Amino acid sequence: VLLFAISTMISWAYYGSIAWGFIVGHSKF
């Protein structure tokens, strides 16, 4: 369960970052 939770969060952090960049623009900051 702990590994499942960590892996899910890792992937969704990436999904969210791409969606976030789509909304506000892509930059390292």
PDB file of all heavy atoms in Angstrom:
ATOM      1  N   VAL A   1       0.841  -1.205   0.000  1.00  0.00           N
ATOM      2  CA  VAL A   1       0.000   0.000   0.000  1.00  0.00           C
ATOM      3  C   VAL A   1       0.871   1.248   0.000  1.00  0.00           C
ATOM      4  O   VAL A   1       0.591   2.223  -0.712  1.00  0.00           O
ATOM      5  CB  VAL A   1      -0.954   0.004   1.218  1.00  0.00           C
ATOM      6  CG1 VAL A   1      -1.588   1.374   1.408  1.00  0.00           C
ATOM      7  CG2 VAL A   1      -2.033  -1.054   1.043  1.00  0.00           C
ATOM      8  N   LEU A   2       1.933   1.242   0.801  1.00  0.00           N
ATOM      9  CA  LEU A   2       2.832   2.396   0.848  1.00  0.00           C
ATOM     10  C   LEU A   2       3.491   2.619  -0.509  1.00  0.00           C
ATOM     11  O   LEU A   2       3.568   3.763  -0.994  1.00  0.00           O
ATOM     12  CB  LEU A   2       3.903   2.177   1.922  1.00  0.00           C
ATOM     13  CG  LEU A   2       4.937   3.308   2.080  1.00  0.00           C
ATOM     14  CD1 LEU A   2       4.253   4.612   2.452  1.00  0.00           C
ATOM     15  CD2 LEU A   2       5.976   2.933   3.132  1.00  0.00           C
ATOM     16  N   LEU A   3       3.955   1.549  -1.144  1.00  0.00           N
ATOM     17  CA  LEU A   3       4.569   1.670  -2.463  1.00  0.00           C
ATOM     18  C   LEU A   3       3.550   2.132  -3.499  1.00  0.00           C
ATOM     19  O   LEU A   3       3.854   2.950  -4.380  1.00  0.00           O
ATOM     20  CB  LEU A   3       5.189   0.343  -2.892  1.00  0.00           C
ATOM     21  CG  LEU A   3       6.431  -0.100  -2.125  1.00  0.00           C
ATOM     22  CD1 LEU A   3       6.858  -1.498  -2.557  1.00  0.00           C
ATOM     23  CD2 LEU A   3       7.579   0.879  -2.342  1.00  0.00           C
ATOM     24  N   PHE A   4       2.312   1.601  -3.404  1.00  0.00           N
ATOM     25  CA  PHE A   4       1.254   2.026  -4.313  1.00  0.00           C
ATOM     26  C   PHE A   4       1.002   3.523  -4.176  1.00  0.00           C
ATOM     27  O   PHE A   4       0.865   4.241  -5.165  1.00  0.00           O
ATOM     28  CB  PHE A   4      -0.053   1.277  -4.016  1.00  0.00           C
ATOM     29  CG  PHE A   4      -0.063  -0.154  -4.482  1.00  0.00           C
ATOM     30  CD1 PHE A   4      -0.923  -1.078  -3.904  1.00  0.00           C
ATOM     31  CD2 PHE A   4       0.768  -0.583  -5.497  1.00  0.00           C
ATOM     32  CE1 PHE A   4      -0.950  -2.396  -4.333  1.00  0.00           C
ATOM     33  CE2 PHE A   4       0.759  -1.899  -5.934  1.00  0.00           C
ATOM     34  CZ  PHE A   4      -0.105  -2.805  -5.347  1.00  0.00           C
ATOM     35  N   ALA A   5       0.936   3.985  -2.940  1.00  0.00           N
ATOM     36  CA  ALA A   5       0.656   5.397  -2.683  1.00  0.00           C
ATOM     37  C   ALA A   5       1.767   6.287  -3.234  1.00  0.00           C
ATOM     38  O   ALA A   5       1.504   7.312  -3.880  1.00  0.00           O
ATOM     39  CB  ALA A   5       0.478   5.641  -1.187  1.00  0.00           C
ATOM     40  N   ILE A   6       3.016   5.901  -2.967  1.00  0.00           N
ATOM     41  CA  ILE A   6       4.150   6.699  -3.441  1.00  0.00           C
ATOM     42  C   ILE A   6       4.173   6.746  -4.965  1.00  0.00           C
ATOM     43  O   ILE A   6       4.354   7.814  -5.565  1.00  0.00           O
ATOM     44  CB  ILE A   6       5.474   6.113  -2.908  1.00  0.00           C
ATOM     45  CG1 ILE A   6       5.574   6.343  -1.388  1.00  0.00           C
ATOM     46  CG2 ILE A   6       6.672   6.751  -3.612  1.00  0.00           C
ATOM     47  CD1 ILE A   6       6.789   5.677  -0.751  1.00  0.00           C
ATOM     48  N   SER A   7       3.994   5.604  -5.611  1.00  0.00           N
ATOM     49  CA  SER A   7       4.053   5.572  -7.072  1.00  0.00           C
ATOM     50  C   SER A   7       2.919   6.380  -7.692  1.00  0.00           C
ATOM     51  O   SER A   7       3.108   7.066  -8.699  1.00  0.00           O
ATOM     52  CB  SER A   7       4.008   4.125  -7.576  1.00  0.00           C
ATOM     53  OG  SER A   7       2.758   3.528  -7.301  1.00  0.00           O
ATOM     54  N   THR A   8       1.723   6.310  -7.083  1.00  0.00           N
ATOM     55  CA  THR A   8       0.592   7.086  -7.591  1.00  0.00           C
ATOM     56  C   THR A   8       0.873   8.578  -7.486  1.00  0.00           C
ATOM     57  O   THR A   8       0.622   9.346  -8.424  1.00  0.00           O
ATOM     58  CB  THR A   8      -0.690   6.745  -6.812  1.00  0.00           C
ATOM     59  OG1 THR A   8      -1.003   5.359  -7.000  1.00  0.00           O
ATOM     60  CG2 THR A   8      -1.866   7.584  -7.298  1.00  0.00           C
ATOM     61  N   MET A   9       1.418   9.011  -6.355  1.00  0.00           N
ATOM     62  CA  MET A   9       1.719  10.424  -6.168  1.00  0.00           C
ATOM     63  C   MET A   9       2.787  10.906  -7.141  1.00  0.00           C
ATOM     64  O   MET A   9       2.706  12.015  -7.684  1.00  0.00           O
ATOM     65  CB  MET A   9       2.155  10.685  -4.719  1.00  0.00           C
ATOM     66  CG  MET A   9       1.017  10.617  -3.725  1.00  0.00           C
ATOM     67  SD  MET A   9       1.492  11.146  -2.062  1.00  0.00           S
ATOM     68  CE  MET A   9       2.373   9.712  -1.496  1.00  0.00           C
ATOM     69  N   ILE A  10       3.789  10.071  -7.392  1.00  0.00           N
ATOM     70  CA  ILE A  10       4.861  10.447  -8.312  1.00  0.00           C
ATOM     71  C   ILE A  10       4.304  10.693  -9.719  1.00  0.00           C
ATOM     72  O   ILE A  10       4.608  11.702 -10.359  1.00  0.00           O
ATOM     73  CB  ILE A  10       5.946   9.356  -8.350  1.00  0.00           C
ATOM     74  CG1 ILE A  10       6.752   9.359  -7.047  1.00  0.00           C
ATOM     75  CG2 ILE A  10       6.878   9.546  -9.536  1.00  0.00           C
ATOM     76  CD1 ILE A  10       7.718   8.195  -6.916  1.00  0.00           C
ATOM     77  N   SER A  11       3.482   9.773 -10.197  1.00  0.00           N
ATOM     78  CA  SER A  11       2.926   9.922 -11.540  1.00  0.00           C
ATOM     79  C   SER A  11       1.989  11.115 -11.642  1.00  0.00           C
ATOM     80  O   SER A  11       2.039  11.888 -12.607  1.00  0.00           O
ATOM     81  CB  SER A  11       2.178   8.643 -11.948  1.00  0.00           C
ATOM     82  OG  SER A  11       3.082   7.583 -12.117  1.00  0.00           O
ATOM     83  N   TRP A  12       1.150  11.282 -10.631  1.00  0.00           N
ATOM     84  CA  TRP A  12       0.185  12.379 -10.692  1.00  0.00           C
ATOM     85  C   TRP A  12       0.845  13.734 -10.478  1.00  0.00           C
ATOM     86  O   TRP A  12       0.324  14.759 -10.915  1.00  0.00           O
ATOM     87  CB  TRP A  12      -0.955  12.143  -9.700  1.00  0.00           C
ATOM     88  CG  TRP A  12      -2.035  11.326 -10.351  1.00  0.00           C
ATOM     89  CD1 TRP A  12      -2.141   9.973 -10.355  1.00  0.00           C
ATOM     90  CD2 TRP A  12      -3.117  11.821 -11.133  1.00  0.00           C
ATOM     91  NE1 TRP A  12      -3.241   9.591 -11.071  1.00  0.00           N
ATOM     92  CE2 TRP A  12      -3.858  10.703 -11.562  1.00  0.00           C
ATOM     93  CE3 TRP A  12      -3.550  13.092 -11.490  1.00  0.00           C
ATOM     94  CZ2 TRP A  12      -5.001  10.824 -12.349  1.00  0.00           C
ATOM     95  CZ3 TRP A  12      -4.687  13.218 -12.282  1.00  0.00           C
ATOM     96  CH2 TRP A  12      -5.400  12.098 -12.701  1.00  0.00           C
ATOM     97  N   ALA A  13       2.005  13.758  -9.839  1.00  0.00           N
ATOM     98  CA  ALA A  13       2.758  15.015  -9.755  1.00  0.00           C
ATOM     99  C   ALA A  13       3.177  15.451 -11.151  1.00  0.00           C
ATOM    100  O   ALA A  13       3.147  16.647 -11.483  1.00  0.00           O
ATOM    101  CB  ALA A  13       3.986  14.836  -8.865  1.00  0.00           C
ATOM    102  N   TYR A  14       3.560  14.477 -11.969  1.00  0.00           N
ATOM    103  CA  TYR A  14       3.938  14.801 -13.347  1.00  0.00           C
ATOM    104  C   TYR A  14       2.720  15.234 -14.163  1.00  0.00           C
ATOM    105  O   TYR A  14       2.769  16.231 -14.887  1.00  0.00           O
ATOM    106  CB  TYR A  14       4.620  13.601 -14.008  1.00  0.00           C
ATOM    107  CG  TYR A  14       4.983  13.875 -15.445  1.00  0.00           C
ATOM    108  CD1 TYR A  14       6.014  14.763 -15.753  1.00  0.00           C
ATOM    109  CD2 TYR A  14       4.284  13.278 -16.487  1.00  0.00           C
ATOM    110  CE1 TYR A  14       6.343  15.039 -17.074  1.00  0.00           C
ATOM    111  CE2 TYR A  14       4.604  13.549 -17.809  1.00  0.00           C
ATOM    112  CZ  TYR A  14       5.627  14.433 -18.091  1.00  0.00           C
ATOM    113  OH  TYR A  14       5.942  14.717 -19.406  1.00  0.00           O
ATOM    114  N   TYR A  15       1.600  14.493 -14.029  1.00  0.00           N
ATOM    115  CA  TYR A  15       0.384  14.869 -14.755  1.00  0.00           C
ATOM    116  C   TYR A  15      -0.029  16.297 -14.400  1.00  0.00           C
ATOM    117  O   TYR A  15      -0.347  17.112 -15.277  1.00  0.00           O
ATOM    118  CB  TYR A  15      -0.775  13.922 -14.409  1.00  0.00           C
ATOM    119  CG  TYR A  15      -0.561  12.472 -14.771  1.00  0.00           C
ATOM    120  CD1 TYR A  15      -1.349  11.465 -14.206  1.00  0.00           C
ATOM    121  CD2 TYR A  15       0.418  12.081 -15.681  1.00  0.00           C
ATOM    122  CE1 TYR A  15      -1.171  10.135 -14.531  1.00  0.00           C
ATOM    123  CE2 TYR A  15       0.608  10.751 -16.012  1.00  0.00           C
ATOM    124  CZ  TYR A  15      -0.198   9.779 -15.428  1.00  0.00           C
ATOM    125  OH  TYR A  15      -0.015   8.464 -15.757  1.00  0.00           O
ATOM    126  N   GLY A  16      -0.028  16.588 -13.106  1.00  0.00           N
ATOM    127  CA  GLY A  16      -0.435  17.910 -12.643  1.00  0.00           C
ATOM    128  C   GLY A  16       0.499  19.004 -13.121  1.00  0.00           C
ATOM    129  O   GLY A  16       0.061  20.112 -13.457  1.00  0.00           O
ATOM    130  N   SER A  17       1.808  18.704 -13.184  1.00  0.00           N
ATOM    131  CA  SER A  17       2.775  19.719 -13.606  1.00  0.00           C
ATOM    132  C   SER A  17       2.586  20.080 -15.074  1.00  0.00           C
ATOM    133  O   SER A  17       2.722  21.253 -15.458  1.00  0.00           O
ATOM    134  CB  SER A  17       4.207  19.233 -13.356  1.00  0.00           C
ATOM    135  OG  SER A  17       4.555  18.173 -14.227  1.00  0.00           O
ATOM    136  N   ILE A  18       2.264  19.096 -15.904  1.00  0.00           N
ATOM    137  CA  ILE A  18       2.033  19.371 -17.325  1.00  0.00           C
ATOM    138  C   ILE A  18       0.744  20.180 -17.497  1.00  0.00           C
ATOM    139  O   ILE A  18       0.694  21.134 -18.288  1.00  0.00           O
ATOM    140  CB  ILE A  18       1.943  18.060 -18.132  1.00  0.00           C
ATOM    141  CG1 ILE A  18       3.281  17.305 -18.051  1.00  0.00           C
ATOM    142  CG2 ILE A  18       1.584  18.346 -19.588  1.00  0.00           C
ATOM    143  CD1 ILE A  18       4.466  18.042 -18.631  1.00  0.00           C
ATOM    144  N   ALA A  19      -0.300  19.812 -16.744  1.00  0.00           N
ATOM    145  CA  ALA A  19      -1.559  20.564 -16.811  1.00  0.00           C
ATOM    146  C   ALA A  19      -1.365  21.989 -16.284  1.00  0.00           C
ATOM    147  O   ALA A  19      -1.899  22.953 -16.843  1.00  0.00           O
ATOM    148  CB  ALA A  19      -2.643  19.844 -16.005  1.00  0.00           C
ATOM    149  N   TRP A  20      -0.602  22.117 -15.202  1.00  0.00           N
ATOM    150  CA  TRP A  20      -0.287  23.431 -14.623  1.00  0.00           C
ATOM    151  C   TRP A  20       0.442  24.299 -15.641  1.00  0.00           C
ATOM    152  O   TRP A  20       0.119  25.467 -15.840  1.00  0.00           O
ATOM    153  CB  TRP A  20       0.559  23.217 -13.373  1.00  0.00           C
ATOM    154  CG  TRP A  20       1.135  24.447 -12.738  1.00  0.00           C
ATOM    155  CD1 TRP A  20       2.346  25.011 -12.990  1.00  0.00           C
ATOM    156  CD2 TRP A  20       0.535  25.259 -11.714  1.00  0.00           C
ATOM    157  NE1 TRP A  20       2.555  26.117 -12.192  1.00  0.00           N
ATOM    158  CE2 TRP A  20       1.455  26.282 -11.411  1.00  0.00           C
ATOM    159  CE3 TRP A  20      -0.674  25.206 -11.034  1.00  0.00           C
ATOM    160  CZ2 TRP A  20       1.190  27.257 -10.447  1.00  0.00           C
ATOM    161  CZ3 TRP A  20      -0.937  26.168 -10.070  1.00  0.00           C
ATOM    162  CH2 TRP A  20      -0.025  27.180  -9.784  1.00  0.00           C
ATOM    163  N   GLY A  21       1.431  23.724 -16.305  1.00  0.00           N
ATOM    164  CA  GLY A  21       2.181  24.456 -17.318  1.00  0.00           C
ATOM    165  C   GLY A  21       1.310  24.867 -18.489  1.00  0.00           C
ATOM    166  O   GLY A  21       1.515  25.934 -19.080  1.00  0.00           O
ATOM    167  N   PHE A  22       0.340  24.029 -18.837  1.00  0.00           N
ATOM    168  CA  PHE A  22      -0.578  24.355 -19.923  1.00  0.00           C
ATOM    169  C   PHE A  22      -1.404  25.596 -19.582  1.00  0.00           C
ATOM    170  O   PHE A  22      -1.703  26.420 -20.452  1.00  0.00           O
ATOM    171  CB  PHE A  22      -1.512  23.172 -20.191  1.00  0.00           C
ATOM    172  CG  PHE A  22      -2.433  23.362 -21.364  1.00  0.00           C
ATOM    173  CD1 PHE A  22      -2.007  23.050 -22.654  1.00  0.00           C
ATOM    174  CD2 PHE A  22      -3.723  23.845 -21.192  1.00  0.00           C
ATOM    175  CE1 PHE A  22      -2.864  23.221 -23.744  1.00  0.00           C
ATOM    176  CE2 PHE A  22      -4.583  24.020 -22.271  1.00  0.00           C
ATOM    177  CZ  PHE A  22      -4.149  23.697 -23.554  1.00  0.00           C
ATOM    178  N   ILE A  23      -1.747  25.732 -18.303  1.00  0.00           N
ATOM    179  CA  ILE A  23      -2.582  26.855 -17.864  1.00  0.00           C
ATOM    180  C   ILE A  23      -1.770  28.137 -17.711  1.00  0.00           C
ATOM    181  O   ILE A  23      -2.150  29.194 -18.217  1.00  0.00           O
ATOM    182  CB  ILE A  23      -3.279  26.514 -16.529  1.00  0.00           C
ATOM    183  CG1 ILE A  23      -4.226  25.320 -16.697  1.00  0.00           C
ATOM    184  CG2 ILE A  23      -4.059  27.727 -15.998  1.00  0.00           C
ATOM    185  CD1 ILE A  23      -4.737  24.757 -15.393  1.00  0.00           C
ATOM    186  N   VAL A  24      -0.640  28.048 -17.008  1.00  0.00           N
ATOM    187  CA  VAL A  24       0.120  29.261 -16.656  1.00  0.00           C
ATOM    188  C   VAL A  24       1.342  29.480 -17.542  1.00  0.00           C
ATOM    189  O   VAL A  24       1.989  30.524 -17.451  1.00  0.00           O
ATOM    190  CB  VAL A  24       0.572  29.204 -15.179  1.00  0.00           C
ATOM    191  CG1 VAL A  24      -0.624  29.020 -14.258  1.00  0.00           C
ATOM    192  CG2 VAL A  24       1.589  28.075 -14.952  1.00  0.00           C
ATOM    193  N   GLY A  25       1.663  28.510 -18.387  1.00  0.00           N
ATOM    194  CA  GLY A  25       2.848  28.627 -19.223  1.00  0.00           C
ATOM    195  C   GLY A  25       3.983  27.777 -18.685  1.00  0.00           C
ATOM    196  O   GLY A  25       4.098  27.574 -17.468  1.00  0.00           O
ATOM    197  N   HIS A  26       4.792  27.265 -19.578  1.00  0.00           N
ATOM    198  CA  HIS A  26       5.886  26.371 -19.174  1.00  0.00           C
ATOM    199  C   HIS A  26       7.174  27.161 -18.941  1.00  0.00           C
ATOM    200  O   HIS A  26       7.625  27.912 -19.801  1.00  0.00           O
ATOM    201  CB  HIS A  26       6.129  25.305 -20.248  1.00  0.00           C
ATOM    202  CG  HIS A  26       5.005  24.337 -20.408  1.00  0.00           C
ATOM    203  ND1 HIS A  26       4.733  23.338 -19.493  1.00  0.00           N
ATOM    204  CD2 HIS A  26       4.061  24.224 -21.377  1.00  0.00           C
ATOM    205  CE1 HIS A  26       3.691  22.649 -19.900  1.00  0.00           C
ATOM    206  NE2 HIS A  26       3.260  23.163 -21.035  1.00  0.00           N
ATOM    207  N   SER A  27       7.729  27.005 -17.762  1.00  0.00           N
ATOM    208  CA  SER A  27       9.047  27.548 -17.424  1.00  0.00           C
ATOM    209  C   SER A  27       9.560  26.759 -16.237  1.00  0.00           C
ATOM    210  O   SER A  27       8.779  26.135 -15.506  1.00  0.00           O
ATOM    211  CB  SER A  27       8.972  29.037 -17.085  1.00  0.00           C
ATOM    212  OG  SER A  27       8.374  29.234 -15.815  1.00  0.00           O
ATOM    213  N   LYS A  28      10.862  26.793 -16.026  1.00  0.00           N
ATOM    214  CA  LYS A  28      11.442  26.025 -14.926  1.00  0.00           C
ATOM    215  C   LYS A  28      10.926  26.523 -13.584  1.00  0.00           C
ATOM    216  O   LYS A  28      10.617  25.730 -12.688  1.00  0.00           O
ATOM    217  CB  LYS A  28      12.965  26.124 -14.968  1.00  0.00           C
ATOM    218  CG  LYS A  28      13.651  25.183 -13.988  1.00  0.00           C
ATOM    219  CD  LYS A  28      15.142  25.061 -14.258  1.00  0.00           C
ATOM    220  CE  LYS A  28      15.763  24.024 -13.324  1.00  0.00           C
ATOM    221  NZ  LYS A  28      17.210  23.846 -13.586  1.00  0.00           N
ATOM    222  N   PHE A  29      10.805  27.845 -13.430  1.00  0.00           N
ATOM    223  CA  PHE A  29      10.328  28.416 -12.175  1.00  0.00           C
ATOM    224  C   PHE A  29       8.879  27.983 -11.890  1.00  0.00           C
ATOM    225  O   PHE A  29       8.557  27.578 -10.766  1.00  0.00           O
ATOM    226  CB  PHE A  29      10.403  29.937 -12.222  1.00  0.00           C
ATOM    227  CG  PHE A  29       9.768  30.615 -11.038  1.00  0.00           C
ATOM    228  CD1 PHE A  29      10.417  30.654  -9.813  1.00  0.00           C
ATOM    229  CD2 PHE A  29       8.500  31.189 -11.146  1.00  0.00           C
ATOM    230  CE1 PHE A  29       9.818  31.266  -8.713  1.00  0.00           C
ATOM    231  CE2 PHE A  29       7.903  31.805 -10.060  1.00  0.00           C
ATOM    232  CZ  PHE A  29       8.568  31.844  -8.831  1.00  0.00           C
TER     233      PHE A  29
END
